[in-house]
Amino acid sequence: FQLVRQGFEELFKRNEEYFANLKRQIVEDPDSFSFQIDWQ
């Protein structure tokens, strides 16, 4: 049971890291995307 919980906590962290990096990329280089994304 704890393994299940821990795995999902880690997935959540990876998700947060992904979107944090995506936000930075959008702000720093919005033209690198083929479609407009509202980082907010």
PDB file of all heavy atoms in Angstrom:
ATOM      1  N   PHE A   1       0.830  -1.205   0.000  1.00  0.00           N
ATOM      2  CA  PHE A   1       0.000   0.000   0.000  1.00  0.00           C
ATOM      3  C   PHE A   1       0.863   1.252   0.000  1.00  0.00           C
ATOM      4  O   PHE A   1       0.607   2.207  -0.733  1.00  0.00           O
ATOM      5  CB  PHE A   1      -0.924  -0.010   1.221  1.00  0.00           C
ATOM      6  CG  PHE A   1      -1.851   1.172   1.268  1.00  0.00           C
ATOM      7  CD1 PHE A   1      -3.040   1.157   0.557  1.00  0.00           C
ATOM      8  CD2 PHE A   1      -1.527   2.289   2.017  1.00  0.00           C
ATOM      9  CE1 PHE A   1      -3.899   2.249   0.601  1.00  0.00           C
ATOM     10  CE2 PHE A   1      -2.376   3.384   2.063  1.00  0.00           C
ATOM     11  CZ  PHE A   1      -3.568   3.363   1.355  1.00  0.00           C
ATOM     12  N   GLN A   2       1.906   1.254   0.825  1.00  0.00           N
ATOM     13  CA  GLN A   2       2.772   2.428   0.885  1.00  0.00           C
ATOM     14  C   GLN A   2       3.542   2.624  -0.429  1.00  0.00           C
ATOM     15  O   GLN A   2       3.788   3.752  -0.846  1.00  0.00           O
ATOM     16  CB  GLN A   2       3.753   2.304   2.051  1.00  0.00           C
ATOM     17  CG  GLN A   2       4.636   3.528   2.266  1.00  0.00           C
ATOM     18  CD  GLN A   2       3.861   4.745   2.752  1.00  0.00           C
ATOM     19  OE1 GLN A   2       2.658   4.661   3.017  1.00  0.00           O
ATOM     20  NE2 GLN A   2       4.539   5.871   2.863  1.00  0.00           N
ATOM     21  N   LEU A   3       3.904   1.524  -1.080  1.00  0.00           N
ATOM     22  CA  LEU A   3       4.559   1.626  -2.377  1.00  0.00           C
ATOM     23  C   LEU A   3       3.662   2.334  -3.392  1.00  0.00           C
ATOM     24  O   LEU A   3       4.135   3.162  -4.187  1.00  0.00           O
ATOM     25  CB  LEU A   3       4.930   0.245  -2.909  1.00  0.00           C
ATOM     26  CG  LEU A   3       6.217  -0.381  -2.397  1.00  0.00           C
ATOM     27  CD1 LEU A   3       6.338  -1.809  -2.933  1.00  0.00           C
ATOM     28  CD2 LEU A   3       7.431   0.439  -2.818  1.00  0.00           C
ATOM     29  N   VAL A   4       2.386   1.994  -3.378  1.00  0.00           N
ATOM     30  CA  VAL A   4       1.454   2.658  -4.284  1.00  0.00           C
ATOM     31  C   VAL A   4       1.428   4.153  -4.005  1.00  0.00           C
ATOM     32  O   VAL A   4       1.525   4.984  -4.916  1.00  0.00           O
ATOM     33  CB  VAL A   4       0.037   2.057  -4.152  1.00  0.00           C
ATOM     34  CG1 VAL A   4      -0.977   2.915  -4.893  1.00  0.00           C
ATOM     35  CG2 VAL A   4       0.007   0.648  -4.715  1.00  0.00           C
ATOM     36  N   ARG A   5       1.312   4.509  -2.748  1.00  0.00           N
ATOM     37  CA  ARG A   5       1.282   5.926  -2.372  1.00  0.00           C
ATOM     38  C   ARG A   5       2.567   6.631  -2.798  1.00  0.00           C
ATOM     39  O   ARG A   5       2.538   7.712  -3.386  1.00  0.00           O
ATOM     40  CB  ARG A   5       1.085   6.059  -0.863  1.00  0.00           C
ATOM     41  CG  ARG A   5       1.107   7.498  -0.360  1.00  0.00           C
ATOM     42  CD  ARG A   5       0.941   7.558   1.139  1.00  0.00           C
ATOM     43  NE  ARG A   5      -0.368   7.115   1.535  1.00  0.00           N
ATOM     44  CZ  ARG A   5      -1.459   7.885   1.548  1.00  0.00           C
ATOM     45  NH1 ARG A   5      -1.380   9.138   1.143  1.00  0.00           N
ATOM     46  NH2 ARG A   5      -2.619   7.409   1.937  1.00  0.00           N
ATOM     47  N   GLN A   6       3.710   6.024  -2.509  1.00  0.00           N
ATOM     48  CA  GLN A   6       4.988   6.653  -2.814  1.00  0.00           C
ATOM     49  C   GLN A   6       5.166   6.848  -4.320  1.00  0.00           C
ATOM     50  O   GLN A   6       5.678   7.870  -4.778  1.00  0.00           O
ATOM     51  CB  GLN A   6       6.139   5.819  -2.272  1.00  0.00           C
ATOM     52  CG  GLN A   6       6.231   5.796  -0.761  1.00  0.00           C
ATOM     53  CD  GLN A   6       6.396   7.172  -0.149  1.00  0.00           C
ATOM     54  OE1 GLN A   6       5.603   7.576   0.687  1.00  0.00           O
ATOM     55  NE2 GLN A   6       7.418   7.894  -0.564  1.00  0.00           N
ATOM     56  N   GLY A   7       4.764   5.835  -5.090  1.00  0.00           N
ATOM     57  CA  GLY A   7       4.885   5.954  -6.530  1.00  0.00           C
ATOM     58  C   GLY A   7       4.065   7.107  -7.080  1.00  0.00           C
ATOM     59  O   GLY A   7       4.534   7.871  -7.936  1.00  0.00           O
ATOM     60  N   PHE A   8       2.842   7.264  -6.582  1.00  0.00           N
ATOM     61  CA  PHE A   8       2.022   8.366  -7.065  1.00  0.00           C
ATOM     62  C   PHE A   8       2.537   9.713  -6.596  1.00  0.00           C
ATOM     63  O   PHE A   8       2.425  10.719  -7.316  1.00  0.00           O
ATOM     64  CB  PHE A   8       0.557   8.155  -6.664  1.00  0.00           C
ATOM     65  CG  PHE A   8      -0.193   7.335  -7.669  1.00  0.00           C
ATOM     66  CD1 PHE A   8      -0.328   5.966  -7.499  1.00  0.00           C
ATOM     67  CD2 PHE A   8      -0.740   7.922  -8.792  1.00  0.00           C
ATOM     68  CE1 PHE A   8      -0.984   5.201  -8.438  1.00  0.00           C
ATOM     69  CE2 PHE A   8      -1.410   7.161  -9.744  1.00  0.00           C
ATOM     70  CZ  PHE A   8      -1.528   5.801  -9.557  1.00  0.00           C
ATOM     71  N   GLU A   9       3.129   9.772  -5.411  1.00  0.00           N
ATOM     72  CA  GLU A   9       3.756  11.015  -4.965  1.00  0.00           C
ATOM     73  C   GLU A   9       4.909  11.394  -5.890  1.00  0.00           C
ATOM     74  O   GLU A   9       5.104  12.566  -6.232  1.00  0.00           O
ATOM     75  CB  GLU A   9       4.253  10.863  -3.529  1.00  0.00           C
ATOM     76  CG  GLU A   9       3.142  10.841  -2.485  1.00  0.00           C
ATOM     77  CD  GLU A   9       2.331  12.134  -2.483  1.00  0.00           C
ATOM     78  OE1 GLU A   9       2.929  13.223  -2.382  1.00  0.00           O
ATOM     79  OE2 GLU A   9       1.090  12.047  -2.610  1.00  0.00           O
ATOM     80  N   GLU A  10       5.693  10.400  -6.307  1.00  0.00           N
ATOM     81  CA  GLU A  10       6.798  10.673  -7.214  1.00  0.00           C
ATOM     82  C   GLU A  10       6.285  11.099  -8.590  1.00  0.00           C
ATOM     83  O   GLU A  10       6.841  11.995  -9.220  1.00  0.00           O
ATOM     84  CB  GLU A  10       7.708   9.448  -7.340  1.00  0.00           C
ATOM     85  CG  GLU A  10       8.473   9.103  -6.075  1.00  0.00           C
ATOM     86  CD  GLU A  10       9.482  10.168  -5.678  1.00  0.00           C
ATOM     87  OE1 GLU A  10       9.929  10.937  -6.562  1.00  0.00           O
ATOM     88  OE2 GLU A  10       9.823  10.244  -4.489  1.00  0.00           O
ATOM     89  N   LEU A  11       5.209  10.462  -9.068  1.00  0.00           N
ATOM     90  CA  LEU A  11       4.617  10.881 -10.333  1.00  0.00           C
ATOM     91  C   LEU A  11       4.169  12.339 -10.268  1.00  0.00           C
ATOM     92  O   LEU A  11       4.357  13.111 -11.214  1.00  0.00           O
ATOM     93  CB  LEU A  11       3.410  10.008 -10.679  1.00  0.00           C
ATOM     94  CG  LEU A  11       3.657   8.678 -11.368  1.00  0.00           C
ATOM     95  CD1 LEU A  11       2.326   7.956 -11.554  1.00  0.00           C
ATOM     96  CD2 LEU A  11       4.326   8.859 -12.717  1.00  0.00           C
ATOM     97  N   PHE A  12       3.566  12.714  -9.145  1.00  0.00           N
ATOM     98  CA  PHE A  12       3.116  14.095  -8.971  1.00  0.00           C
ATOM     99  C   PHE A  12       4.312  15.053  -9.047  1.00  0.00           C
ATOM    100  O   PHE A  12       4.245  16.104  -9.694  1.00  0.00           O
ATOM    101  CB  PHE A  12       2.405  14.244  -7.635  1.00  0.00           C
ATOM    102  CG  PHE A  12       1.856  15.624  -7.396  1.00  0.00           C
ATOM    103  CD1 PHE A  12       0.614  15.982  -7.900  1.00  0.00           C
ATOM    104  CD2 PHE A  12       2.578  16.572  -6.688  1.00  0.00           C
ATOM    105  CE1 PHE A  12       0.114  17.264  -7.695  1.00  0.00           C
ATOM    106  CE2 PHE A  12       2.080  17.850  -6.483  1.00  0.00           C
ATOM    107  CZ  PHE A  12       0.842  18.198  -6.990  1.00  0.00           C
ATOM    108  N   LYS A  13       5.428  14.677  -8.412  1.00  0.00           N
ATOM    109  CA  LYS A  13       6.619  15.523  -8.453  1.00  0.00           C
ATOM    110  C   LYS A  13       7.134  15.674  -9.882  1.00  0.00           C
ATOM    111  O   LYS A  13       7.512  16.768 -10.311  1.00  0.00           O
ATOM    112  CB  LYS A  13       7.723  14.921  -7.576  1.00  0.00           C
ATOM    113  CG  LYS A  13       7.454  14.977  -6.091  1.00  0.00           C
ATOM    114  CD  LYS A  13       8.598  14.308  -5.333  1.00  0.00           C
ATOM    115  CE  LYS A  13       8.284  14.171  -3.857  1.00  0.00           C
ATOM    116  NZ  LYS A  13       9.365  13.438  -3.147  1.00  0.00           N
ATOM    117  N   ARG A  14       7.180  14.566 -10.631  1.00  0.00           N
ATOM    118  CA  ARG A  14       7.661  14.630 -12.008  1.00  0.00           C
ATOM    119  C   ARG A  14       6.746  15.518 -12.843  1.00  0.00           C
ATOM    120  O   ARG A  14       7.189  16.259 -13.712  1.00  0.00           O
ATOM    121  CB  ARG A  14       7.728  13.234 -12.648  1.00  0.00           C
ATOM    122  CG  ARG A  14       8.626  12.247 -11.946  1.00  0.00           C
ATOM    123  CD  ARG A  14      10.047  12.761 -11.754  1.00  0.00           C
ATOM    124  NE  ARG A  14      10.891  11.793 -11.125  1.00  0.00           N
ATOM    125  CZ  ARG A  14      10.915  11.528  -9.821  1.00  0.00           C
ATOM    126  NH1 ARG A  14      10.106  12.164  -9.000  1.00  0.00           N
ATOM    127  NH2 ARG A  14      11.766  10.635  -9.333  1.00  0.00           N
ATOM    128  N   ASN A  15       5.451  15.428 -12.584  1.00  0.00           N
ATOM    129  CA  ASN A  15       4.472  16.259 -13.276  1.00  0.00           C
ATOM    130  C   ASN A  15       4.732  17.741 -13.007  1.00  0.00           C
ATOM    131  O   ASN A  15       4.751  18.563 -13.928  1.00  0.00           O
ATOM    132  CB  ASN A  15       3.075  15.853 -12.810  1.00  0.00           C
ATOM    133  CG  ASN A  15       1.964  16.624 -13.487  1.00  0.00           C
ATOM    134  OD1 ASN A  15       1.646  17.721 -13.061  1.00  0.00           O
ATOM    135  ND2 ASN A  15       1.359  16.039 -14.493  1.00  0.00           N
ATOM    136  N   GLU A  16       4.956  18.077 -11.743  1.00  0.00           N
ATOM    137  CA  GLU A  16       5.225  19.461 -11.372  1.00  0.00           C
ATOM    138  C   GLU A  16       6.513  19.963 -12.005  1.00  0.00           C
ATOM    139  O   GLU A  16       6.590  21.097 -12.487  1.00  0.00           O
ATOM    140  CB  GLU A  16       5.322  19.569  -9.842  1.00  0.00           C
ATOM    141  CG  GLU A  16       4.006  19.369  -9.122  1.00  0.00           C
ATOM    142  CD  GLU A  16       3.068  20.540  -9.319  1.00  0.00           C
ATOM    143  OE1 GLU A  16       3.229  21.551  -8.618  1.00  0.00           O
ATOM    144  OE2 GLU A  16       2.179  20.454 -10.188  1.00  0.00           O
ATOM    145  N   GLU A  17       7.539  19.118 -12.006  1.00  0.00           N
ATOM    146  CA  GLU A  17       8.821  19.497 -12.610  1.00  0.00           C
ATOM    147  C   GLU A  17       8.656  19.736 -14.107  1.00  0.00           C
ATOM    148  O   GLU A  17       9.225  20.688 -14.659  1.00  0.00           O
ATOM    149  CB  GLU A  17       9.856  18.398 -12.367  1.00  0.00           C
ATOM    150  CG  GLU A  17      10.289  18.271 -10.914  1.00  0.00           C
ATOM    151  CD  GLU A  17      11.067  16.992 -10.640  1.00  0.00           C
ATOM    152  OE1 GLU A  17      11.289  16.216 -11.608  1.00  0.00           O
ATOM    153  OE2 GLU A  17      11.430  16.757  -9.476  1.00  0.00           O
ATOM    154  N   TYR A  18       7.888  18.870 -14.763  1.00  0.00           N
ATOM    155  CA  TYR A  18       7.673  19.009 -16.200  1.00  0.00           C
ATOM    156  C   TYR A  18       7.028  20.350 -16.526  1.00  0.00           C
ATOM    157  O   TYR A  18       7.480  21.077 -17.425  1.00  0.00           O
ATOM    158  CB  TYR A  18       6.800  17.860 -16.714  1.00  0.00           C
ATOM    159  CG  TYR A  18       6.361  18.050 -18.144  1.00  0.00           C
ATOM    160  CD1 TYR A  18       7.222  17.760 -19.200  1.00  0.00           C
ATOM    161  CD2 TYR A  18       5.089  18.540 -18.440  1.00  0.00           C
ATOM    162  CE1 TYR A  18       6.825  17.942 -20.522  1.00  0.00           C
ATOM    163  CE2 TYR A  18       4.686  18.727 -19.754  1.00  0.00           C
ATOM    164  CZ  TYR A  18       5.560  18.427 -20.786  1.00  0.00           C
ATOM    165  OH  TYR A  18       5.171  18.628 -22.084  1.00  0.00           O
ATOM    166  N   PHE A  19       5.955  20.695 -15.803  1.00  0.00           N
ATOM    167  CA  PHE A  19       5.260  21.931 -16.112  1.00  0.00           C
ATOM    168  C   PHE A  19       6.044  23.161 -15.684  1.00  0.00           C
ATOM    169  O   PHE A  19       5.939  24.227 -16.314  1.00  0.00           O
ATOM    170  CB  PHE A  19       3.855  21.920 -15.518  1.00  0.00           C
ATOM    171  CG  PHE A  19       2.901  21.091 -16.325  1.00  0.00           C
ATOM    172  CD1 PHE A  19       2.464  19.864 -15.871  1.00  0.00           C
ATOM    173  CD2 PHE A  19       2.471  21.523 -17.572  1.00  0.00           C
ATOM    174  CE1 PHE A  19       1.608  19.089 -16.637  1.00  0.00           C
ATOM    175  CE2 PHE A  19       1.619  20.754 -18.341  1.00  0.00           C
ATOM    176  CZ  PHE A  19       1.184  19.539 -17.870  1.00  0.00           C
ATOM    177  N   ALA A  20       6.853  23.043 -14.644  1.00  0.00           N
ATOM    178  CA  ALA A  20       7.724  24.162 -14.271  1.00  0.00           C
ATOM    179  C   ALA A  20       8.732  24.435 -15.381  1.00  0.00           C
ATOM    180  O   ALA A  20       8.981  25.595 -15.750  1.00  0.00           O
ATOM    181  CB  ALA A  20       8.445  23.857 -12.960  1.00  0.00           C
ATOM    182  N   ASN A  21       9.308  23.378 -15.929  1.00  0.00           N
ATOM    183  CA  ASN A  21      10.258  23.534 -17.035  1.00  0.00           C
ATOM    184  C   ASN A  21       9.564  24.072 -18.290  1.00  0.00           C
ATOM    185  O   ASN A  21      10.124  24.898 -19.016  1.00  0.00           O
ATOM    186  CB  ASN A  21      10.938  22.207 -17.348  1.00  0.00           C
ATOM    187  CG  ASN A  21      11.889  21.772 -16.258  1.00  0.00           C
ATOM    188  OD1 ASN A  21      12.441  22.605 -15.541  1.00  0.00           O
ATOM    189  ND2 ASN A  21      12.089  20.471 -16.110  1.00  0.00           N
ATOM    190  N   LEU A  22       8.343  23.583 -18.533  1.00  0.00           N
ATOM    191  CA  LEU A  22       7.590  24.038 -19.699  1.00  0.00           C
ATOM    192  C   LEU A  22       7.270  25.534 -19.583  1.00  0.00           C
ATOM    193  O   LEU A  22       7.394  26.283 -20.555  1.00  0.00           O
ATOM    194  CB  LEU A  22       6.304  23.230 -19.842  1.00  0.00           C
ATOM    195  CG  LEU A  22       5.409  23.546 -21.041  1.00  0.00           C
ATOM    196  CD1 LEU A  22       6.156  23.334 -22.357  1.00  0.00           C
ATOM    197  CD2 LEU A  22       4.144  22.694 -20.993  1.00  0.00           C
ATOM    198  N   LYS A  23       6.883  25.962 -18.392  1.00  0.00           N
ATOM    199  CA  LYS A  23       6.595  27.381 -18.181  1.00  0.00           C
ATOM    200  C   LYS A  23       7.814  28.241 -18.488  1.00  0.00           C
ATOM    201  O   LYS A  23       7.718  29.276 -19.157  1.00  0.00           O
ATOM    202  CB  LYS A  23       6.161  27.619 -16.730  1.00  0.00           C
ATOM    203  CG  LYS A  23       4.762  27.154 -16.399  1.00  0.00           C
ATOM    204  CD  LYS A  23       4.463  27.445 -14.937  1.00  0.00           C
ATOM    205  CE  LYS A  23       3.123  26.880 -14.528  1.00  0.00           C
ATOM    206  NZ  LYS A  23       2.832  27.146 -13.106  1.00  0.00           N
ATOM    207  N   ARG A  24       8.980  27.803 -17.979  1.00  0.00           N
ATOM    208  CA  ARG A  24      10.202  28.562 -18.223  1.00  0.00           C
ATOM    209  C   ARG A  24      10.497  28.657 -19.719  1.00  0.00           C
ATOM    210  O   ARG A  24      10.880  29.706 -20.227  1.00  0.00           O
ATOM    211  CB  ARG A  24      11.381  27.909 -17.491  1.00  0.00           C
ATOM    212  CG  ARG A  24      11.442  28.230 -16.012  1.00  0.00           C
ATOM    213  CD  ARG A  24      12.775  27.836 -15.419  1.00  0.00           C
ATOM    214  NE  ARG A  24      12.948  26.389 -15.397  1.00  0.00           N
ATOM    215  CZ  ARG A  24      12.574  25.605 -14.400  1.00  0.00           C
ATOM    216  NH1 ARG A  24      11.981  26.125 -13.332  1.00  0.00           N
ATOM    217  NH2 ARG A  24      12.770  24.299 -14.457  1.00  0.00           N
ATOM    218  N   GLN A  25      10.304  27.552 -20.411  1.00  0.00           N
ATOM    219  CA  GLN A  25      10.578  27.541 -21.842  1.00  0.00           C
ATOM    220  C   GLN A  25       9.633  28.462 -22.597  1.00  0.00           C
ATOM    221  O   GLN A  25      10.037  29.169 -23.534  1.00  0.00           O
ATOM    222  CB  GLN A  25      10.479  26.118 -22.394  1.00  0.00           C
ATOM    223  CG  GLN A  25      10.923  25.990 -23.839  1.00  0.00           C
ATOM    224  CD  GLN A  25      10.858  24.560 -24.341  1.00  0.00           C
ATOM    225  OE1 GLN A  25      10.592  23.634 -23.580  1.00  0.00           O
ATOM    226  NE2 GLN A  25      11.101  24.386 -25.621  1.00  0.00           N
ATOM    227  N   ILE A  26       8.362  28.473 -22.206  1.00  0.00           N
ATOM    228  CA  ILE A  26       7.373  29.334 -22.859  1.00  0.00           C
ATOM    229  C   ILE A  26       7.720  30.801 -22.651  1.00  0.00           C
ATOM    230  O   ILE A  26       7.657  31.619 -23.578  1.00  0.00           O
ATOM    231  CB  ILE A  26       5.955  29.035 -22.331  1.00  0.00           C
ATOM    232  CG1 ILE A  26       5.513  27.633 -22.754  1.00  0.00           C
ATOM    233  CG2 ILE A  26       4.960  30.076 -22.828  1.00  0.00           C
ATOM    234  CD1 ILE A  26       4.241  27.171 -22.080  1.00  0.00           C
ATOM    235  N   VAL A  27       8.077  31.141 -21.419  1.00  0.00           N
ATOM    236  CA  VAL A  27       8.408  32.531 -21.110  1.00  0.00           C
ATOM    237  C   VAL A  27       9.679  32.961 -21.830  1.00  0.00           C
ATOM    238  O   VAL A  27       9.759  34.062 -22.399  1.00  0.00           O
ATOM    239  CB  VAL A  27       8.557  32.717 -19.582  1.00  0.00           C
ATOM    240  CG1 VAL A  27       9.094  34.104 -19.265  1.00  0.00           C
ATOM    241  CG2 VAL A  27       7.216  32.498 -18.891  1.00  0.00           C
ATOM    242  N   GLU A  28      10.694  32.090 -21.840  1.00  0.00           N
ATOM    243  CA  GLU A  28      11.979  32.449 -22.414  1.00  0.00           C
ATOM    244  C   GLU A  28      11.996  32.388 -23.934  1.00  0.00           C
ATOM    245  O   GLU A  28      12.693  33.167 -24.587  1.00  0.00           O
ATOM    246  CB  GLU A  28      13.067  31.527 -21.846  1.00  0.00           C
ATOM    247  CG  GLU A  28      13.303  31.719 -20.354  1.00  0.00           C
ATOM    248  CD  GLU A  28      14.205  30.652 -19.765  1.00  0.00           C
ATOM    249  OE1 GLU A  28      14.692  29.794 -20.537  1.00  0.00           O
ATOM    250  OE2 GLU A  28      14.424  30.665 -18.535  1.00  0.00           O
ATOM    251  N   ASP A  29      11.233  31.477 -24.514  1.00  0.00           N
ATOM    252  CA  ASP A  29      11.282  31.308 -25.967  1.00  0.00           C
ATOM    253  C   ASP A  29       9.914  30.882 -26.502  1.00  0.00           C
ATOM    254  O   ASP A  29       9.727  29.746 -26.942  1.00  0.00           O
ATOM    255  CB  ASP A  29      12.347  30.267 -26.335  1.00  0.00           C
ATOM    256  CG  ASP A  29      12.574  30.182 -27.842  1.00  0.00           C
ATOM    257  OD1 ASP A  29      12.094  31.076 -28.568  1.00  0.00           O
ATOM    258  OD2 ASP A  29      13.216  29.204 -28.281  1.00  0.00           O
ATOM    259  N   PRO A  30       8.943  31.780 -26.455  1.00  0.00           N
ATOM    260  CA  PRO A  30       7.576  31.409 -26.887  1.00  0.00           C
ATOM    261  C   PRO A  30       7.495  30.995 -28.352  1.00  0.00           C
ATOM    262  O   PRO A  30       6.605  30.242 -28.738  1.00  0.00           O
ATOM    263  CB  PRO A  30       6.763  32.680 -26.612  1.00  0.00           C
ATOM    264  CG  PRO A  30       7.770  33.783 -26.579  1.00  0.00           C
ATOM    265  CD  PRO A  30       9.026  33.179 -26.039  1.00  0.00           C
ATOM    266  N   ASP A  31       8.420  31.487 -29.177  1.00  0.00           N
ATOM    267  CA  ASP A  31       8.383  31.165 -30.602  1.00  0.00           C
ATOM    268  C   ASP A  31       8.807  29.733 -30.910  1.00  0.00           C
ATOM    269  O   ASP A  31       8.688  29.279 -32.053  1.00  0.00           O
ATOM    270  CB  ASP A  31       9.284  32.132 -31.384  1.00  0.00           C
ATOM    271  CG  ASP A  31       8.767  33.559 -31.334  1.00  0.00           C
ATOM    272  OD1 ASP A  31       7.539  33.719 -31.175  1.00  0.00           O
ATOM    273  OD2 ASP A  31       9.578  34.489 -31.448  1.00  0.00           O
ATOM    274  N   SER A  32       9.314  29.025 -29.898  1.00  0.00           N
ATOM    275  CA  SER A  32       9.743  27.642 -30.135  1.00  0.00           C
ATOM    276  C   SER A  32       8.567  26.671 -30.180  1.00  0.00           C
ATOM    277  O   SER A  32       8.744  25.500 -30.489  1.00  0.00           O
ATOM    278  CB  SER A  32      10.726  27.202 -29.046  1.00  0.00           C
ATOM    279  OG  SER A  32      10.087  27.165 -27.771  1.00  0.00           O
ATOM    280  N   PHE A  33       7.355  27.163 -29.899  1.00  0.00           N
ATOM    281  CA  PHE A  33       6.164  26.311 -29.909  1.00  0.00           C
ATOM    282  C   PHE A  33       5.344  26.575 -31.164  1.00  0.00           C
ATOM    283  O   PHE A  33       5.200  27.721 -31.603  1.00  0.00           O
ATOM    284  CB  PHE A  33       5.312  26.563 -28.656  1.00  0.00           C
ATOM    285  CG  PHE A  33       5.988  26.157 -27.380  1.00  0.00           C
ATOM    286  CD1 PHE A  33       6.846  27.027 -26.729  1.00  0.00           C
ATOM    287  CD2 PHE A  33       5.799  24.895 -26.854  1.00  0.00           C
ATOM    288  CE1 PHE A  33       7.488  26.654 -25.559  1.00  0.00           C
ATOM    289  CE2 PHE A  33       6.431  24.510 -25.683  1.00  0.00           C
ATOM    290  CZ  PHE A  33       7.280  25.391 -25.042  1.00  0.00           C
ATOM    291  N   SER A  34       4.803  25.515 -31.720  1.00  0.00           N
ATOM    292  CA  SER A  34       4.029  25.640 -32.954  1.00  0.00           C
ATOM    293  C   SER A  34       2.614  26.165 -32.698  1.00  0.00           C
ATOM    294  O   SER A  34       1.904  26.509 -33.623  1.00  0.00           O
ATOM    295  CB  SER A  34       3.957  24.286 -33.669  1.00  0.00           C
ATOM    296  OG  SER A  34       3.349  23.316 -32.828  1.00  0.00           O
ATOM    297  N   PHE A  35       2.195  26.208 -31.433  1.00  0.00           N
ATOM    298  CA  PHE A  35       0.890  26.751 -31.082  1.00  0.00           C
ATOM    299  C   PHE A  35       1.031  27.540 -29.789  1.00  0.00           C
ATOM    300  O   PHE A  35       1.949  27.321 -29.006  1.00  0.00           O
ATOM    301  CB  PHE A  35      -0.155  25.639 -30.926  1.00  0.00           C
ATOM    302  CG  PHE A  35       0.255  24.553 -29.973  1.00  0.00           C
ATOM    303  CD1 PHE A  35      -0.067  24.623 -28.624  1.00  0.00           C
ATOM    304  CD2 PHE A  35       0.974  23.453 -30.433  1.00  0.00           C
ATOM    305  CE1 PHE A  35       0.312  23.618 -27.758  1.00  0.00           C
ATOM    306  CE2 PHE A  35       1.359  22.447 -29.565  1.00  0.00           C
ATOM    307  CZ  PHE A  35       1.026  22.531 -28.219  1.00  0.00           C
ATOM    308  N   GLN A  36       0.121  28.449 -29.569  1.00  0.00           N
ATOM    309  CA  GLN A  36       0.212  29.336 -28.408  1.00  0.00           C
ATOM    310  C   GLN A  36      -0.241  28.627 -27.146  1.00  0.00           C
ATOM    311  O   GLN A  36      -1.269  27.963 -27.120  1.00  0.00           O
ATOM    312  CB  GLN A  36      -0.638  30.589 -28.646  1.00  0.00           C
ATOM    313  CG  GLN A  36      -0.460  31.655 -27.565  1.00  0.00           C
ATOM    314  CD  GLN A  36      -1.201  32.938 -27.901  1.00  0.00           C
ATOM    315  OE1 GLN A  36      -1.959  32.994 -28.863  1.00  0.00           O
ATOM    316  NE2 GLN A  36      -0.966  33.969 -27.116  1.00  0.00           N
ATOM    317  N   ILE A  37       0.548  28.786 -26.092  1.00  0.00           N
ATOM    318  CA  ILE A  37       0.221  28.190 -24.796  1.00  0.00           C
ATOM    319  C   ILE A  37       0.219  29.298 -23.746  1.00  0.00           C
ATOM    320  O   ILE A  37       1.164  30.092 -23.671  1.00  0.00           O
ATOM    321  CB  ILE A  37       1.247  27.111 -24.394  1.00  0.00           C
ATOM    322  CG1 ILE A  37       1.307  26.005 -25.442  1.00  0.00           C
ATOM    323  CG2 ILE A  37       0.899  26.521 -23.030  1.00  0.00           C
ATOM    324  CD1 ILE A  37       2.379  24.966 -25.185  1.00  0.00           C
ATOM    325  N   ASP A  38      -0.842  29.367 -22.975  1.00  0.00           N
ATOM    326  CA  ASP A  38      -0.903  30.336 -21.876  1.00  0.00           C
ATOM    327  C   ASP A  38      -0.270  29.704 -20.645  1.00  0.00           C
ATOM    328  O   ASP A  38      -0.873  28.862 -19.980  1.00  0.00           O
ATOM    329  CB  ASP A  38      -2.358  30.715 -21.600  1.00  0.00           C
ATOM    330  CG  ASP A  38      -2.483  31.806 -20.535  1.00  0.00           C
ATOM    331  OD1 ASP A  38      -1.456  32.147 -19.911  1.00  0.00           O
ATOM    332  OD2 ASP A  38      -3.605  32.295 -20.335  1.00  0.00           O
ATOM    333  N   TRP A  39       0.970  30.094 -20.345  1.00  0.00           N
ATOM    334  CA  TRP A  39       1.705  29.466 -19.247  1.00  0.00           C
ATOM    335  C   TRP A  39       1.038  29.683 -17.899  1.00  0.00           C
ATOM    336  O   TRP A  39       1.220  28.900 -16.958  1.00  0.00           O
ATOM    337  CB  TRP A  39       3.144  29.979 -19.198  1.00  0.00           C
ATOM    338  CG  TRP A  39       3.283  31.438 -18.854  1.00  0.00           C
ATOM    339  CD1 TRP A  39       3.319  32.479 -19.721  1.00  0.00           C
ATOM    340  CD2 TRP A  39       3.394  31.988 -17.540  1.00  0.00           C
ATOM    341  NE1 TRP A  39       3.452  33.661 -19.041  1.00  0.00           N
ATOM    342  CE2 TRP A  39       3.502  33.388 -17.698  1.00  0.00           C
ATOM    343  CE3 TRP A  39       3.405  31.443 -16.261  1.00  0.00           C
ATOM    344  CZ2 TRP A  39       3.612  34.248 -16.612  1.00  0.00           C
ATOM    345  CZ3 TRP A  39       3.518  32.309 -15.178  1.00  0.00           C
ATOM    346  CH2 TRP A  39       3.620  33.690 -15.356  1.00  0.00           C
ATOM    347  N   GLN A  40       0.228  30.753 -17.782  1.00  0.00           N
ATOM    348  CA  GLN A  40      -0.425  31.033 -16.506  1.00  0.00           C
ATOM    349  C   GLN A  40      -1.499  29.992 -16.162  1.00  0.00           C
ATOM    350  O   GLN A  40      -1.935  29.893 -15.016  1.00  0.00           O
ATOM    351  CB  GLN A  40      -1.034  32.434 -16.523  1.00  0.00           C
ATOM    352  CG  GLN A  40       0.016  33.534 -16.643  1.00  0.00           C
ATOM    353  CD  GLN A  40      -0.593  34.926 -16.617  1.00  0.00           C
ATOM    354  OE1 GLN A  40      -1.793  35.092 -16.398  1.00  0.00           O
ATOM    355  NE2 GLN A  40       0.218  35.946 -16.851  1.00  0.00           N
TER     356      GLN A  40
END
